[in-house]
Amino acid sequence: MKRQLLFSTAALLALSVSSPAWSQSMDAGLKFLDEEIGDLSTLSRAEQEAELQWFMEAAAPYVGMDIKVVSETITTHEYESKVLAPAFTALTGIKVTHDLIGEGDVVEKLQTQMQSGENIYDAYVNDSDLIGTHWRYQQARSLTDWMADEGADVTNPKLNLDDFIGLEFTTAPDGELYQLPDQQFANLYWFRYDWFSDPEVQAEFKEEYGYDLGVPVNWSAYEDIAEFFTGRDMGDGPVYGHMDYGKKDPSLGWRFTDAWLSMAGNGDKGIPNGLPVDEWGIKVDENSRPVGSCVARGGDTNGPASVYAIAKYLEWLNNYAPPEAQGMTFSESGPVPAQGGVAQQIFWYTAFTADMVKEGLPVMNEDGTPKWRMAPSPHGVYWKDGMKLGYQDVGSWTILKSTPVDRAQAAWLYAQFVTSLTVDVKKSHVGLTFVRESTIQHDSFTERADKLGGLIEFYRSPARVQWSPTGTNVPDYPKLAQLWWQAIGDASSGAKTPQEAMDSLCAEQESVMARLERAGVQGDIGPMLAEEHDLAYWNADAVSKGNLAPQLKLDNEDEEPITVDYDELVKSWADAN
């Protein structure tokens, strides 16, 4: 049931409006708007003040409460922890400790709370990749129900859910919203625009390969460009045509679960995720129950498209990336393109944008514009129109049922404050991780667009919908995700062939799903493994139902290379809008 206030809002205001504490809160709010927000908001100053006043009123029953929330350590969350949390405390009287820890540690804390029932944190910013986990285990509060019931009195009437661009990623098959997006970024193609637009370089490429140098549309073109630039002297010594990382480390798993297989053409058509087979290769039935991961059960984790994806990853890492890349982790490899010795990177997170546009970097011009651009990712030979094309990371507020109601209500107020219309434009300028359409369209980002290498153009483009997080086919993200880095690591080290590595991975995923099925902990939406048949059987079954996966192996996996001029591509987006 909804919480009952000791006083009506009107009575509470009458008692509080003349109190010193109330005045101090109002002063703190106005100072915050003056010094931190200014014109960087989609709301007028009067609307900003009205929204802050609502937070003050709604928070009155929780004054003096200490709450704890947690997120991974990225620029956006650092801003929330260091700037927005203190502002919220000064405004509301609710003391917030916003911890910043590693992404894996966030998942571990979340798992521990789910398994023990102990309230470790009052709210989590965890990836929407866990949507299938939250829906099936039913240990996260449905925000749809929450906002209509226990959280109704603390739900901002100006929250404007329709303005969030990632709600389809945090909504389960039951139609319920389980997470509220807080920050969002994509993995895109990154390249040296200055080199690609150099007439001499263009002429040499055209002479050697017979087509125009440009943004690669498919992997064949990407490979040609990688070969062309590797070892070429671009003025400051030889450069590399590709960048990646290969150390057997947990971060290697993200490299692949973050939709690498879908870029190759794994899984079925479908936005935001392939159905019935998703980009992990996991197949579900008509009731969204996982039925298999291996080709033998109709899945695609070890199918031809997946094996091709792993083989190309290894080939490019070995032939076109710096030798030290093979021993690097995600965090170690991330800064390398900014050092000026890499021509392109097929798998580059837009979360790096803020660090890539710093003054004085070799990849920046003196006028503050970047020498590089980001563009849509090229796709592999198995990819078909209608498939997702890349990954979108959506860190989202999640409140577990094990959190006491009053603490959940206070934490929900904070979650809404840091995603509010009042603060979102400023927060997005700091972290460049967009969750609101109104922010993306704000004039301040139009003015800043030429300094951000294509980020704004991409987020305003119709292509954006092809980038999405892990979907609901994955029944237990924490358990399954940890299997990937070990399997891929075996392929990266040469201990296993790509086929052997993916055979092992799908078998391990099915082992976890079989345990979940036996335990029955996910009820009638948990795994129900299918009977085993060969690839030909399941491909014929898929085709008969109008689906794709698992696809048969192609005789020729080297398709005709295709490129597109970057400036023409951006113009086509503008025309489409």
Protein backbone atom coordinates (compact mmCIF):
# COMPACT_ATOMS: atom_id res chain seq x y z
CA MET A 1 0.00 0.00 0.00
CA LYS A 2 1.07 3.59 -0.49
CA ARG A 3 2.91 5.26 2.36
CA GLN A 4 0.71 7.49 4.50
CA LEU A 5 2.06 10.96 5.30
CA LEU A 6 1.63 12.21 8.85
CA PHE A 7 0.52 15.50 7.37
CA SER A 8 -1.07 16.42 4.10
CA THR A 9 1.25 18.22 1.67
CA ALA A 10 -0.56 21.47 2.32
CA ALA A 11 -0.24 21.11 6.09
CA LEU A 12 3.40 20.12 5.78
CA LEU A 13 4.12 23.18 3.66
CA ALA A 14 2.29 25.44 6.08
CA LEU A 15 4.42 24.16 8.94
CA SER A 16 7.67 24.20 6.99
CA VAL A 17 7.62 27.20 4.71
CA SER A 18 8.80 29.61 7.38
CA SER A 19 11.31 27.28 9.01
CA PRO A 20 15.05 28.00 8.74
CA ALA A 21 15.72 24.51 7.38
CA TRP A 22 13.18 24.98 4.60
CA SER A 23 14.67 28.33 3.66
CA GLN A 24 18.17 26.87 3.64
CA SER A 25 17.01 24.08 1.31
CA MET A 26 15.41 26.60 -1.02
CA ASP A 27 18.57 28.69 -0.99
CA ALA A 28 20.68 25.59 -1.73
CA GLY A 29 18.43 24.71 -4.65
CA LEU A 30 18.60 28.20 -6.15
CA LYS A 31 22.37 28.30 -5.70
CA PHE A 32 22.63 24.93 -7.48
CA LEU A 33 20.63 26.25 -10.42
CA ASP A 34 22.70 29.43 -10.58
CA GLU A 35 26.14 27.85 -10.32
CA GLU A 36 25.67 24.43 -11.93
CA ILE A 37 22.73 24.38 -14.35
CA GLY A 38 22.21 27.85 -15.79
CA ASP A 39 20.83 27.61 -19.33
CA LEU A 40 21.88 23.96 -19.73
CA SER A 41 18.42 22.48 -19.21
CA THR A 42 15.39 21.75 -21.35
CA LEU A 43 13.31 23.53 -18.69
CA SER A 44 12.92 27.27 -18.16
CA ARG A 45 14.25 28.71 -14.92
CA ALA A 46 10.73 28.84 -13.47
CA GLU A 47 10.16 25.19 -14.42
CA GLN A 48 13.49 24.21 -12.88
CA GLU A 49 12.57 25.89 -9.60
CA ALA A 50 9.15 24.22 -9.63
CA GLU A 51 10.75 20.79 -10.16
CA LEU A 52 13.23 21.33 -7.30
CA GLN A 53 10.38 22.45 -5.06
CA TRP A 54 8.55 19.21 -5.84
CA PHE A 55 11.63 17.21 -4.77
CA MET A 56 11.80 19.19 -1.51
CA GLU A 57 8.14 18.54 -0.72
CA ALA A 58 8.23 14.85 -1.65
CA ALA A 59 11.39 14.30 0.42
CA ALA A 60 10.02 15.83 3.64
CA PRO A 61 9.18 12.49 5.34
CA TYR A 62 12.73 11.24 4.75
CA VAL A 63 14.74 14.22 6.03
CA GLY A 64 17.79 12.94 7.90
CA MET A 65 17.69 9.47 6.32
CA ASP A 66 21.00 8.03 5.07
CA ILE A 67 20.75 6.03 1.85
CA LYS A 68 23.37 4.16 -0.17
CA VAL A 69 23.40 3.68 -3.93
CA VAL A 70 26.05 2.27 -6.24
CA SER A 71 27.17 2.44 -9.86
CA GLU A 72 30.20 1.63 -11.96
CA THR A 73 32.98 4.21 -12.24
CA ILE A 74 32.47 6.24 -15.40
CA THR A 75 32.48 10.00 -15.91
CA THR A 76 28.69 10.31 -15.76
CA HIS A 77 28.46 8.57 -12.41
CA GLU A 78 31.42 10.47 -11.03
CA TYR A 79 29.48 13.66 -11.76
CA GLU A 80 26.43 12.27 -10.01
CA SER A 81 28.44 11.17 -6.99
CA LYS A 82 30.53 14.32 -6.62
CA VAL A 83 28.10 17.04 -7.76
CA LEU A 84 24.50 15.87 -7.95
CA ALA A 85 24.42 13.78 -4.77
CA PRO A 86 25.61 16.69 -2.54
CA ALA A 87 23.13 19.00 -4.30
CA PHE A 88 20.31 16.54 -3.68
CA THR A 89 21.27 16.25 -0.01
CA ALA A 90 21.36 20.03 0.44
CA LEU A 91 17.99 20.32 -1.27
CA THR A 92 16.12 17.46 0.40
CA GLY A 93 17.89 16.63 3.64
CA ILE A 94 18.32 13.02 2.48
CA LYS A 95 21.97 12.03 2.89
CA VAL A 96 23.18 10.09 -0.15
CA THR A 97 26.31 7.98 -0.36
CA HIS A 98 26.80 7.24 -4.05
CA ASP A 99 29.54 4.59 -4.25
CA LEU A 100 31.61 4.14 -7.41
CA ILE A 101 33.04 0.65 -7.99
CA GLY A 102 33.95 -1.61 -10.92
CA GLU A 103 31.20 -2.90 -13.18
CA GLY A 104 31.86 -6.49 -12.14
CA ASP A 105 31.71 -5.48 -8.49
CA VAL A 106 28.30 -3.87 -9.03
CA VAL A 107 26.97 -7.15 -10.41
CA GLU A 108 28.56 -9.08 -7.53
CA LYS A 109 26.91 -6.82 -4.91
CA LEU A 110 23.59 -7.12 -6.73
CA GLN A 111 23.89 -10.91 -6.84
CA THR A 112 24.73 -11.06 -3.14
CA GLN A 113 21.70 -8.98 -2.22
CA MET A 114 19.44 -11.07 -4.45
CA GLN A 115 20.72 -14.32 -2.93
CA SER A 116 20.87 -13.26 0.71
CA GLY A 117 18.00 -10.80 0.98
CA GLU A 118 20.32 -8.46 2.91
CA ASN A 119 19.88 -4.82 1.90
CA ILE A 120 23.39 -3.89 0.77
CA TYR A 121 22.36 -0.93 -1.39
CA ASP A 122 19.07 0.94 -1.62
CA ALA A 123 19.37 1.25 -5.40
CA TYR A 124 21.74 0.08 -8.11
CA VAL A 125 22.72 1.50 -11.48
CA ASN A 126 23.26 -1.78 -13.26
CA ASP A 127 23.24 -2.57 -16.96
CA SER A 128 19.93 -3.25 -18.64
CA ASP A 129 21.67 -6.43 -19.84
CA LEU A 130 20.19 -7.93 -16.67
CA ILE A 131 16.59 -7.32 -17.77
CA GLY A 132 16.04 -11.04 -18.44
CA THR A 133 17.48 -11.84 -15.02
CA HIS A 134 15.32 -9.30 -13.21
CA TRP A 135 12.16 -10.38 -14.99
CA ARG A 136 12.65 -14.10 -14.41
CA TYR A 137 13.82 -14.01 -10.79
CA GLN A 138 11.28 -11.33 -9.78
CA GLN A 139 13.61 -9.87 -7.15
CA ALA A 140 13.67 -6.39 -8.68
CA ARG A 141 10.67 -4.16 -8.18
CA SER A 142 8.51 -3.60 -11.22
CA LEU A 143 8.76 0.15 -11.60
CA THR A 144 5.41 0.11 -13.40
CA ASP A 145 3.73 -1.26 -10.27
CA TRP A 146 5.94 0.81 -7.99
CA MET A 147 5.00 4.13 -9.57
CA ALA A 148 1.32 3.25 -9.33
CA ASP A 149 1.43 2.04 -5.71
CA GLU A 150 4.15 2.29 -3.05
CA GLY A 151 6.17 4.79 -5.04
CA ALA A 152 3.27 6.92 -6.27
CA ASP A 153 3.76 9.77 -3.80
CA VAL A 154 7.47 9.98 -4.63
CA THR A 155 7.16 9.73 -8.42
CA ASN A 156 7.84 13.02 -10.12
CA PRO A 157 4.81 14.13 -12.18
CA LYS A 158 7.34 15.69 -14.58
CA LEU A 159 9.42 12.51 -14.95
CA ASN A 160 8.20 12.20 -18.57
CA LEU A 161 8.99 8.56 -19.31
CA ASP A 162 8.19 9.05 -22.98
CA ASP A 163 11.29 11.25 -23.24
CA PHE A 164 13.65 8.35 -22.34
CA ILE A 165 15.20 6.71 -25.41
CA GLY A 166 15.99 3.35 -23.79
CA LEU A 167 12.78 2.20 -22.11
CA GLU A 168 12.30 -0.64 -24.60
CA PHE A 169 15.58 -2.07 -23.27
CA THR A 170 14.36 -2.05 -19.65
CA THR A 171 10.86 -3.40 -20.31
CA ALA A 172 10.29 -7.16 -20.01
CA PRO A 173 8.02 -9.36 -22.13
CA ASP A 174 5.31 -8.91 -19.48
CA GLY A 175 5.15 -5.22 -20.45
CA GLU A 176 6.49 -4.07 -17.07
CA LEU A 177 9.29 -1.52 -16.67
CA TYR A 178 11.97 -2.88 -14.32
CA GLN A 179 14.76 -0.30 -14.70
CA LEU A 180 15.04 3.44 -15.35
CA PRO A 181 17.86 4.43 -17.77
CA ASP A 182 20.51 6.72 -16.26
CA GLN A 183 23.27 6.71 -18.89
CA GLN A 184 23.62 5.20 -22.33
CA PHE A 185 26.42 4.78 -24.86
CA ALA A 186 27.04 2.75 -27.99
CA ASN A 187 29.92 0.87 -29.53
CA LEU A 188 30.58 2.32 -32.97
CA TYR A 189 33.17 2.44 -35.73
CA TRP A 190 35.97 4.99 -35.09
CA PHE A 191 38.34 6.28 -37.78
CA ARG A 192 40.86 9.01 -38.63
CA TYR A 193 38.76 11.35 -40.74
CA ASP A 194 41.80 13.46 -41.59
CA TRP A 195 43.63 10.50 -43.12
CA PHE A 196 40.55 9.13 -44.89
CA SER A 197 39.87 12.53 -46.50
CA ASP A 198 43.47 13.14 -47.64
CA PRO A 199 43.41 13.18 -51.48
CA GLU A 200 46.79 11.43 -51.79
CA VAL A 201 45.74 8.66 -49.40
CA GLN A 202 42.42 8.29 -51.21
CA ALA A 203 44.16 8.00 -54.57
CA GLU A 204 46.59 5.34 -53.30
CA PHE A 205 43.78 3.31 -51.79
CA LYS A 206 41.68 3.53 -54.96
CA GLU A 207 44.63 2.42 -57.07
CA GLU A 208 45.39 -0.54 -54.81
CA TYR A 209 41.88 -1.80 -54.06
CA GLY A 210 39.79 -0.48 -56.90
CA TYR A 211 37.14 1.32 -54.85
CA ASP A 212 36.88 4.51 -52.78
CA LEU A 213 38.30 4.81 -49.30
CA GLY A 214 35.47 5.59 -46.91
CA VAL A 215 33.47 4.32 -43.95
CA PRO A 216 33.34 0.52 -44.37
CA VAL A 217 29.82 -0.85 -44.67
CA ASN A 218 30.95 -4.46 -44.38
CA TRP A 219 33.79 -6.44 -42.84
CA SER A 220 35.49 -7.07 -46.20
CA ALA A 221 36.03 -3.33 -46.62
CA TYR A 222 37.17 -2.97 -43.02
CA GLU A 223 39.78 -5.65 -43.57
CA ASP A 224 41.09 -3.98 -46.75
CA ILE A 225 41.40 -0.66 -44.93
CA ALA A 226 43.18 -2.33 -42.01
CA GLU A 227 45.65 -3.90 -44.39
CA PHE A 228 46.16 -0.64 -46.28
CA PHE A 229 47.05 1.45 -43.23
CA THR A 230 49.06 -1.10 -41.23
CA GLY A 231 52.73 -0.15 -41.45
CA ARG A 232 52.00 3.02 -43.46
CA ASP A 233 53.86 6.16 -42.35
CA MET A 234 51.30 8.92 -41.80
CA GLY A 235 53.85 11.56 -40.82
CA ASP A 236 54.84 10.48 -37.32
CA GLY A 237 55.95 6.95 -38.05
CA PRO A 238 54.14 3.74 -39.01
CA VAL A 239 50.54 3.26 -37.88
CA TYR A 240 48.20 0.31 -37.40
CA GLY A 241 44.99 -0.33 -39.29
CA HIS A 242 43.10 -1.84 -36.35
CA MET A 243 42.91 -1.80 -32.55
CA ASP A 244 41.54 -4.38 -30.14
CA TYR A 245 42.54 -6.36 -27.07
CA GLY A 246 43.03 -10.05 -26.31
CA LYS A 247 44.11 -10.76 -22.73
CA LYS A 248 42.24 -13.58 -21.01
CA ASP A 249 40.48 -11.35 -18.54
CA PRO A 250 36.81 -10.72 -17.56
CA SER A 251 36.77 -7.65 -19.82
CA LEU A 252 37.34 -9.94 -22.81
CA GLY A 253 33.84 -11.28 -22.21
CA TRP A 254 32.27 -7.82 -22.65
CA ARG A 255 34.06 -7.55 -25.98
CA PHE A 256 31.84 -10.37 -27.26
CA THR A 257 28.61 -10.29 -25.27
CA ASP A 258 28.41 -6.61 -26.27
CA ALA A 259 26.92 -7.70 -29.58
CA TRP A 260 30.04 -8.68 -31.55
CA LEU A 261 28.32 -11.82 -32.82
CA SER A 262 25.31 -9.82 -34.03
CA MET A 263 27.62 -7.59 -36.07
CA ALA A 264 28.78 -10.75 -37.86
CA GLY A 265 25.19 -11.85 -38.50
CA ASN A 266 24.54 -14.22 -35.62
CA GLY A 267 20.95 -14.77 -34.49
CA ASP A 268 17.67 -13.69 -36.04
CA LYS A 269 16.22 -10.44 -37.28
CA GLY A 270 14.62 -8.22 -34.68
CA ILE A 271 14.96 -4.83 -33.01
CA PRO A 272 16.03 -4.40 -30.24
CA ASN A 273 17.05 -8.09 -30.21
CA GLY A 274 16.77 -11.04 -32.53
CA LEU A 275 13.83 -13.40 -32.02
CA PRO A 276 13.60 -16.27 -31.45
CA VAL A 277 17.43 -16.42 -31.46
CA ASP A 278 19.25 -13.44 -29.98
CA GLU A 279 22.79 -12.10 -30.46
CA TRP A 280 24.16 -14.43 -27.77
CA GLY A 281 22.86 -17.34 -29.83
CA ILE A 282 20.24 -18.21 -27.20
CA LYS A 283 16.89 -19.33 -28.55
CA VAL A 284 13.54 -18.91 -26.79
CA ASP A 285 10.12 -20.44 -27.47
CA GLU A 286 6.84 -18.60 -27.96
CA ASN A 287 6.60 -18.07 -24.18
CA SER A 288 10.12 -16.54 -23.95
CA ARG A 289 11.53 -19.67 -22.29
CA PRO A 290 15.17 -20.31 -23.28
CA VAL A 291 15.38 -23.63 -25.14
CA GLY A 292 19.03 -23.77 -26.16
CA SER A 293 22.32 -22.11 -26.97
CA CYS A 294 24.03 -24.72 -29.13
CA VAL A 295 23.10 -25.34 -32.76
CA ALA A 296 22.01 -28.81 -31.69
CA ARG A 297 19.04 -27.26 -29.86
CA GLY A 298 18.30 -24.55 -32.42
CA GLY A 299 20.61 -21.94 -30.90
CA ASP A 300 23.45 -20.16 -32.67
CA THR A 301 26.27 -19.61 -30.15
CA ASN A 302 28.43 -22.14 -32.00
CA GLY A 303 26.92 -21.67 -35.45
CA PRO A 304 28.79 -20.63 -38.58
CA ALA A 305 28.13 -16.89 -38.06
CA SER A 306 29.54 -17.02 -34.52
CA VAL A 307 32.63 -18.99 -35.49
CA TYR A 308 33.23 -16.55 -38.37
CA ALA A 309 32.99 -13.66 -35.88
CA ILE A 310 35.65 -15.17 -33.63
CA ALA A 311 37.91 -16.07 -36.53
CA LYS A 312 37.83 -12.50 -37.90
CA TYR A 313 38.49 -11.06 -34.46
CA LEU A 314 41.62 -13.19 -34.12
CA GLU A 315 42.81 -12.58 -37.68
CA TRP A 316 42.58 -8.80 -37.35
CA LEU A 317 44.09 -8.75 -33.86
CA ASN A 318 47.09 -10.75 -35.05
CA ASN A 319 47.62 -9.03 -38.41
CA TYR A 320 46.65 -5.37 -38.05
CA ALA A 321 46.76 -4.32 -34.37
CA PRO A 322 49.82 -3.36 -32.32
CA PRO A 323 51.52 -6.54 -31.05
CA GLU A 324 51.00 -5.48 -27.43
CA ALA A 325 47.22 -5.41 -27.97
CA GLN A 326 47.10 -9.18 -27.61
CA GLY A 327 48.13 -8.83 -23.97
CA MET A 328 45.86 -5.86 -23.17
CA THR A 329 42.59 -5.63 -21.28
CA PHE A 330 39.67 -3.36 -22.15
CA SER A 331 40.89 -0.51 -19.93
CA GLU A 332 44.47 -0.77 -21.19
CA SER A 333 43.49 -0.70 -24.85
CA GLY A 334 40.93 2.10 -24.55
CA PRO A 335 43.36 5.07 -24.59
CA VAL A 336 45.50 3.76 -27.47
CA PRO A 337 43.61 5.34 -30.43
CA ALA A 338 43.96 8.77 -28.77
CA GLN A 339 47.75 8.42 -29.00
CA GLY A 340 47.59 8.92 -32.76
CA GLY A 341 48.89 5.64 -34.15
CA VAL A 342 45.65 3.85 -35.11
CA ALA A 343 43.70 4.41 -38.33
CA GLN A 344 40.41 2.79 -37.38
CA GLN A 345 38.72 0.67 -34.72
CA ILE A 346 35.66 -1.41 -35.48
CA PHE A 347 34.54 -1.72 -31.87
CA TRP A 348 34.84 1.62 -30.03
CA TYR A 349 32.68 2.79 -27.15
CA THR A 350 31.26 6.32 -27.32
CA ALA A 351 31.86 6.51 -23.57
CA PHE A 352 35.47 7.29 -24.55
CA THR A 353 34.37 10.49 -26.32
CA ALA A 354 34.91 12.83 -23.36
CA ASP A 355 38.52 11.66 -22.97
CA MET A 356 39.13 11.61 -26.74
CA VAL A 357 38.34 15.32 -27.23
CA LYS A 358 40.75 16.71 -24.63
CA GLU A 359 42.94 19.59 -25.71
CA GLY A 360 46.48 18.71 -26.75
CA LEU A 361 45.87 15.12 -27.82
CA PRO A 362 47.53 13.99 -31.09
CA VAL A 363 44.05 13.28 -32.48
CA MET A 364 42.78 16.83 -31.90
CA ASN A 365 43.09 19.91 -34.12
CA GLU A 366 44.21 23.23 -32.68
CA ASP A 367 40.71 24.68 -33.13
CA GLY A 368 39.24 22.08 -30.78
CA THR A 369 37.73 19.86 -33.47
CA PRO A 370 38.72 16.19 -33.62
CA LYS A 371 40.78 14.63 -36.40
CA TRP A 372 38.57 11.55 -36.07
CA ARG A 373 34.92 10.63 -36.49
CA MET A 374 32.59 7.89 -35.33
CA ALA A 375 30.18 6.14 -37.68
CA PRO A 376 27.93 3.06 -37.82
CA SER A 377 29.71 -0.26 -37.45
CA PRO A 378 30.37 -2.41 -40.51
CA HIS A 379 28.61 -5.77 -40.56
CA GLY A 380 29.75 -9.29 -41.35
CA VAL A 381 28.82 -11.51 -44.24
CA TYR A 382 26.02 -13.32 -42.36
CA TRP A 383 24.26 -10.06 -41.38
CA LYS A 384 20.87 -9.27 -42.95
CA ASP A 385 18.71 -6.15 -43.04
CA GLY A 386 16.45 -6.10 -39.99
CA MET A 387 19.13 -7.30 -37.57
CA LYS A 388 20.63 -5.25 -34.78
CA LEU A 389 24.05 -3.89 -35.72
CA GLY A 390 25.76 -3.14 -32.44
CA TYR A 391 25.63 -2.73 -28.71
CA GLN A 392 24.13 0.00 -26.57
CA ASP A 393 25.16 0.08 -22.89
CA VAL A 394 22.27 1.32 -20.76
CA GLY A 395 23.12 1.73 -17.08
CA SER A 396 19.77 1.80 -15.32
CA TRP A 397 18.36 2.38 -11.86
CA THR A 398 17.15 -0.85 -10.27
CA ILE A 399 15.47 -1.21 -6.86
CA LEU A 400 15.35 -4.69 -5.33
CA LYS A 401 12.38 -5.98 -3.36
CA SER A 402 14.70 -6.66 -0.40
CA THR A 403 15.14 -2.90 0.12
CA PRO A 404 12.76 -1.55 2.79
CA VAL A 405 9.96 0.56 1.35
CA ASP A 406 10.96 3.85 2.96
CA ARG A 407 14.57 3.49 1.86
CA ALA A 408 13.43 2.53 -1.63
CA GLN A 409 11.25 5.63 -1.75
CA ALA A 410 14.13 7.91 -0.77
CA ALA A 411 16.44 6.22 -3.28
CA TRP A 412 13.81 6.54 -6.01
CA LEU A 413 13.73 10.29 -5.39
CA TYR A 414 17.49 10.44 -5.91
CA ALA A 415 17.31 8.30 -9.07
CA GLN A 416 14.73 10.68 -10.53
CA PHE A 417 16.72 13.76 -9.50
CA VAL A 418 19.86 12.68 -11.37
CA THR A 419 17.80 11.88 -14.49
CA SER A 420 15.46 14.88 -14.21
CA LEU A 421 14.77 17.37 -16.96
CA THR A 422 16.37 20.02 -14.76
CA VAL A 423 19.81 18.38 -14.67
CA ASP A 424 19.97 16.03 -17.64
CA VAL A 425 21.39 18.40 -20.26
CA LYS A 426 24.24 19.51 -17.98
CA LYS A 427 24.95 15.93 -16.90
CA SER A 428 25.02 14.86 -20.54
CA HIS A 429 27.53 17.58 -21.41
CA VAL A 430 29.82 16.15 -18.73
CA GLY A 431 29.48 12.44 -19.48
CA LEU A 432 28.12 12.41 -23.05
CA THR A 433 25.90 9.44 -22.24
CA PHE A 434 22.40 10.30 -23.46
CA VAL A 435 19.11 8.92 -22.12
CA ARG A 436 16.60 11.65 -23.06
CA GLU A 437 15.46 12.65 -26.54
CA SER A 438 14.93 16.25 -25.43
CA THR A 439 18.56 16.45 -24.34
CA ILE A 440 19.85 15.04 -27.63
CA GLN A 441 17.90 17.71 -29.50
CA HIS A 442 18.95 20.58 -27.19
CA ASP A 443 20.48 23.61 -28.94
CA SER A 444 23.62 23.38 -26.82
CA PHE A 445 24.46 20.04 -28.45
CA THR A 446 23.82 21.45 -31.90
CA GLU A 447 26.41 24.10 -31.08
CA ARG A 448 28.86 21.53 -29.70
CA ALA A 449 28.36 18.85 -32.35
CA ASP A 450 31.43 19.68 -34.45
CA LYS A 451 33.62 19.11 -31.38
CA LEU A 452 32.28 15.60 -30.71
CA GLY A 453 33.22 13.66 -33.84
CA GLY A 454 29.78 12.53 -34.98
CA LEU A 455 28.30 11.59 -31.61
CA ILE A 456 25.37 13.99 -31.86
CA GLU A 457 24.73 13.14 -35.49
CA PHE A 458 24.56 9.44 -34.61
CA TYR A 459 22.17 9.91 -31.69
CA ARG A 460 19.92 12.08 -33.84
CA SER A 461 20.01 9.58 -36.71
CA PRO A 462 17.44 6.92 -37.64
CA ALA A 463 20.28 4.36 -37.47
CA ARG A 464 20.39 4.60 -33.66
CA VAL A 465 17.70 1.96 -33.14
CA GLN A 466 19.98 -0.78 -34.52
CA TRP A 467 22.19 -0.52 -31.43
CA SER A 468 20.76 -2.25 -28.37
CA PRO A 469 21.79 -4.02 -25.14
CA THR A 470 21.52 -7.68 -24.26
CA GLY A 471 17.85 -8.67 -24.32
CA THR A 472 15.49 -10.87 -22.36
CA ASN A 473 16.59 -14.21 -23.89
CA VAL A 474 19.47 -14.36 -21.38
CA PRO A 475 17.95 -15.94 -18.26
CA ASP A 476 20.78 -15.27 -15.80
CA TYR A 477 23.24 -12.66 -17.02
CA PRO A 478 25.71 -12.86 -14.09
CA LYS A 479 26.08 -16.62 -14.39
CA LEU A 480 26.25 -16.79 -18.17
CA ALA A 481 28.35 -13.68 -18.87
CA GLN A 482 31.29 -14.98 -16.83
CA LEU A 483 31.57 -17.99 -19.15
CA TRP A 484 32.42 -15.90 -22.20
CA TRP A 485 35.83 -14.51 -21.32
CA GLN A 486 37.18 -17.93 -20.47
CA ALA A 487 35.96 -19.51 -23.71
CA ILE A 488 37.07 -16.60 -25.90
CA GLY A 489 40.33 -16.44 -23.99
CA ASP A 490 41.06 -20.01 -25.02
CA ALA A 491 40.61 -19.01 -28.66
CA SER A 492 42.66 -15.83 -28.22
CA SER A 493 45.54 -17.76 -26.66
CA GLY A 494 45.44 -20.45 -29.34
CA ALA A 495 44.48 -23.17 -26.87
CA LYS A 496 41.31 -23.83 -28.88
CA THR A 497 40.11 -23.17 -32.39
CA PRO A 498 37.19 -20.73 -32.78
CA GLN A 499 34.84 -23.66 -33.36
CA GLU A 500 36.10 -25.53 -30.29
CA ALA A 501 35.82 -22.41 -28.15
CA MET A 502 32.24 -21.71 -29.19
CA ASP A 503 31.27 -25.39 -28.84
CA SER A 504 32.55 -25.24 -25.28
CA LEU A 505 30.80 -21.95 -24.56
CA CYS A 506 27.38 -23.04 -25.76
CA ALA A 507 27.65 -26.30 -23.83
CA GLU A 508 28.51 -24.41 -20.64
CA GLN A 509 25.61 -22.02 -21.19
CA GLU A 510 23.25 -24.93 -21.61
CA SER A 511 24.63 -26.54 -18.46
CA VAL A 512 23.64 -23.44 -16.49
CA MET A 513 20.23 -23.37 -18.15
CA ALA A 514 19.72 -27.06 -17.37
CA ARG A 515 20.41 -26.38 -13.68
CA LEU A 516 17.92 -23.52 -13.71
CA GLU A 517 15.36 -25.81 -15.36
CA ARG A 518 15.85 -28.54 -12.77
CA ALA A 519 15.67 -26.10 -9.88
CA GLY A 520 12.52 -24.45 -11.21
CA VAL A 521 13.55 -21.15 -9.64
CA GLN A 522 12.33 -19.10 -12.62
CA GLY A 523 8.94 -20.77 -12.83
CA ASP A 524 7.15 -21.02 -16.15
CA ILE A 525 9.42 -18.43 -17.82
CA GLY A 526 12.64 -20.28 -17.01
CA PRO A 527 14.65 -22.50 -19.40
CA MET A 528 13.12 -25.60 -21.00
CA LEU A 529 15.81 -27.19 -23.16
CA ALA A 530 14.79 -28.58 -26.56
CA GLU A 531 15.62 -31.93 -28.11
CA GLU A 532 18.88 -32.17 -30.06
CA HIS A 533 19.13 -32.31 -33.87
CA ASP A 534 21.76 -31.32 -36.42
CA LEU A 535 22.37 -27.93 -38.03
CA ALA A 536 20.49 -28.83 -41.22
CA TYR A 537 17.38 -29.75 -39.20
CA TRP A 538 17.30 -26.53 -37.20
CA ASN A 539 18.12 -24.34 -40.20
CA ALA A 540 15.25 -25.90 -42.16
CA ASP A 541 12.96 -25.43 -39.15
CA ALA A 542 13.95 -21.75 -38.87
CA VAL A 543 13.47 -21.08 -42.58
CA SER A 544 10.05 -22.76 -42.58
CA LYS A 545 8.96 -20.29 -39.88
CA GLY A 546 10.39 -17.25 -41.64
CA ASN A 547 13.47 -17.03 -39.40
CA LEU A 548 17.22 -17.19 -40.06
CA ALA A 549 19.19 -18.77 -37.24
CA PRO A 550 21.13 -20.92 -37.24
CA GLN A 551 22.36 -20.10 -40.74
CA LEU A 552 24.31 -22.62 -42.81
CA LYS A 553 27.99 -21.99 -43.45
CA LEU A 554 28.63 -19.95 -46.56
CA ASP A 555 31.01 -21.31 -49.18
CA ASN A 556 32.53 -17.84 -49.54
CA GLU A 557 32.77 -15.62 -46.45
CA ASP A 558 34.59 -12.83 -48.32
CA GLU A 559 31.88 -10.59 -49.76
CA GLU A 560 32.35 -7.66 -52.13
CA PRO A 561 33.70 -4.71 -50.09
CA ILE A 562 31.48 -1.64 -49.76
CA THR A 563 32.32 1.81 -48.39
CA VAL A 564 30.36 5.05 -48.03
CA ASP A 565 31.50 8.66 -47.85
CA TYR A 566 31.17 9.88 -44.26
CA ASP A 567 29.86 13.33 -45.12
CA GLU A 568 27.25 11.89 -47.46
CA LEU A 569 26.20 9.44 -44.74
CA VAL A 570 25.64 12.24 -42.23
CA LYS A 571 23.72 14.22 -44.83
CA SER A 572 21.44 11.24 -45.46
CA TRP A 573 20.64 11.09 -41.75
CA ALA A 574 19.74 14.77 -41.73
CA ASP A 575 17.53 14.31 -44.79
CA ALA A 576 15.81 11.33 -43.12
CA ASN A 577 14.92 13.47 -40.13
